[in-house]
Amino acid sequence: MMIYIRKRNINEGLITNNMWCFDLLDNPQVNVKTDSYKNMIEALNAEFTSLEGNTEYKNILKELENLRKKNNL
């Protein structure tokens, strides 16, 4: 998952032209703004409390936070 996240800003607008409910819009890219990094960090913290002391887990959270700052909305 981190390999993909490093390569792409997951806070970019959502491409909607292939979705049935948006396929007739003039602008196929709807500017849906959400802080996906923040959502991911919060979900990881809520679901993986048993990994709190794990160094690799801490490094992943730190990298996500750095990517969040770099790719802010």
Protein backbone atom coordinates (compact mmCIF):
# COMPACT_ATOMS: atom_id res chain seq x y z
CA MET A 1 0.00 0.00 0.00
CA MET A 2 2.80 2.43 0.86
CA ILE A 3 4.42 1.88 -2.54
CA TYR A 4 1.26 3.22 -4.22
CA ILE A 5 0.84 6.08 -1.75
CA ARG A 6 4.44 7.23 -2.25
CA LYS A 7 3.90 7.47 -6.02
CA ARG A 8 0.55 9.25 -6.02
CA ASN A 9 -1.01 12.10 -4.10
CA ILE A 10 -4.08 10.42 -2.65
CA ASN A 11 -5.59 13.85 -1.94
CA GLU A 12 -5.95 14.60 -5.68
CA GLY A 13 -9.40 15.18 -7.11
CA LEU A 14 -11.53 12.16 -7.84
CA ILE A 15 -11.82 11.21 -11.53
CA THR A 16 -15.49 10.52 -12.03
CA ASN A 17 -16.03 10.12 -15.78
CA ASN A 18 -16.18 6.32 -15.54
CA MET A 19 -18.74 6.29 -12.75
CA TRP A 20 -22.34 5.78 -13.83
CA CYS A 21 -23.68 8.53 -11.58
CA PHE A 22 -21.24 11.16 -12.94
CA ASP A 23 -20.78 10.08 -16.57
CA LEU A 24 -22.92 12.89 -18.02
CA LEU A 25 -21.08 15.77 -16.35
CA ASP A 26 -19.33 18.31 -18.58
CA ASN A 27 -16.27 18.22 -16.34
CA PRO A 28 -15.24 14.59 -15.75
CA GLN A 29 -13.07 15.54 -12.79
CA VAL A 30 -15.07 16.61 -9.80
CA ASN A 31 -13.02 18.40 -7.19
CA VAL A 32 -13.84 16.20 -4.22
CA LYS A 33 -11.59 17.39 -1.43
CA THR A 34 -10.88 15.07 1.43
CA ASP A 35 -7.80 14.62 3.55
CA SER A 36 -7.21 10.96 2.75
CA TYR A 37 -3.90 10.94 4.63
CA LYS A 38 -5.58 12.13 7.82
CA ASN A 39 -8.38 9.60 7.39
CA MET A 40 -5.87 6.80 6.88
CA ILE A 41 -3.78 7.81 9.91
CA GLU A 42 -6.88 7.97 12.10
CA ALA A 43 -8.11 4.58 10.86
CA LEU A 44 -4.71 2.96 11.46
CA ASN A 45 -4.51 4.43 14.96
CA ALA A 46 -8.01 3.17 15.76
CA GLU A 47 -7.59 -0.33 14.37
CA PHE A 48 -3.96 -1.21 15.09
CA THR A 49 -3.48 -0.16 18.71
CA SER A 50 -1.50 -3.35 19.32
CA LEU A 51 1.24 -2.02 17.01
CA GLU A 52 1.78 1.26 18.88
CA GLY A 53 5.31 0.35 20.02
CA ASN A 54 6.35 -1.23 16.71
CA THR A 55 9.11 0.80 15.02
CA GLU A 56 8.03 -0.05 11.46
CA TYR A 57 4.45 0.96 12.26
CA LYS A 58 5.62 4.26 13.77
CA ASN A 59 7.72 4.93 10.66
CA ILE A 60 4.72 4.30 8.40
CA LEU A 61 2.61 6.76 10.42
CA LYS A 62 5.42 9.32 10.31
CA GLU A 63 5.78 8.90 6.54
CA LEU A 64 2.02 9.30 6.08
CA GLU A 65 2.12 12.50 8.12
CA ASN A 66 5.01 13.82 6.00
CA LEU A 67 3.13 12.96 2.80
CA ARG A 68 0.07 14.69 4.24
CA LYS A 69 2.07 17.90 4.78
CA LYS A 70 3.63 17.66 1.31
CA ASN A 71 0.30 17.01 -0.44
CA ASN A 72 -1.97 19.18 1.67
CA LEU A 73 -5.28 20.38 0.32
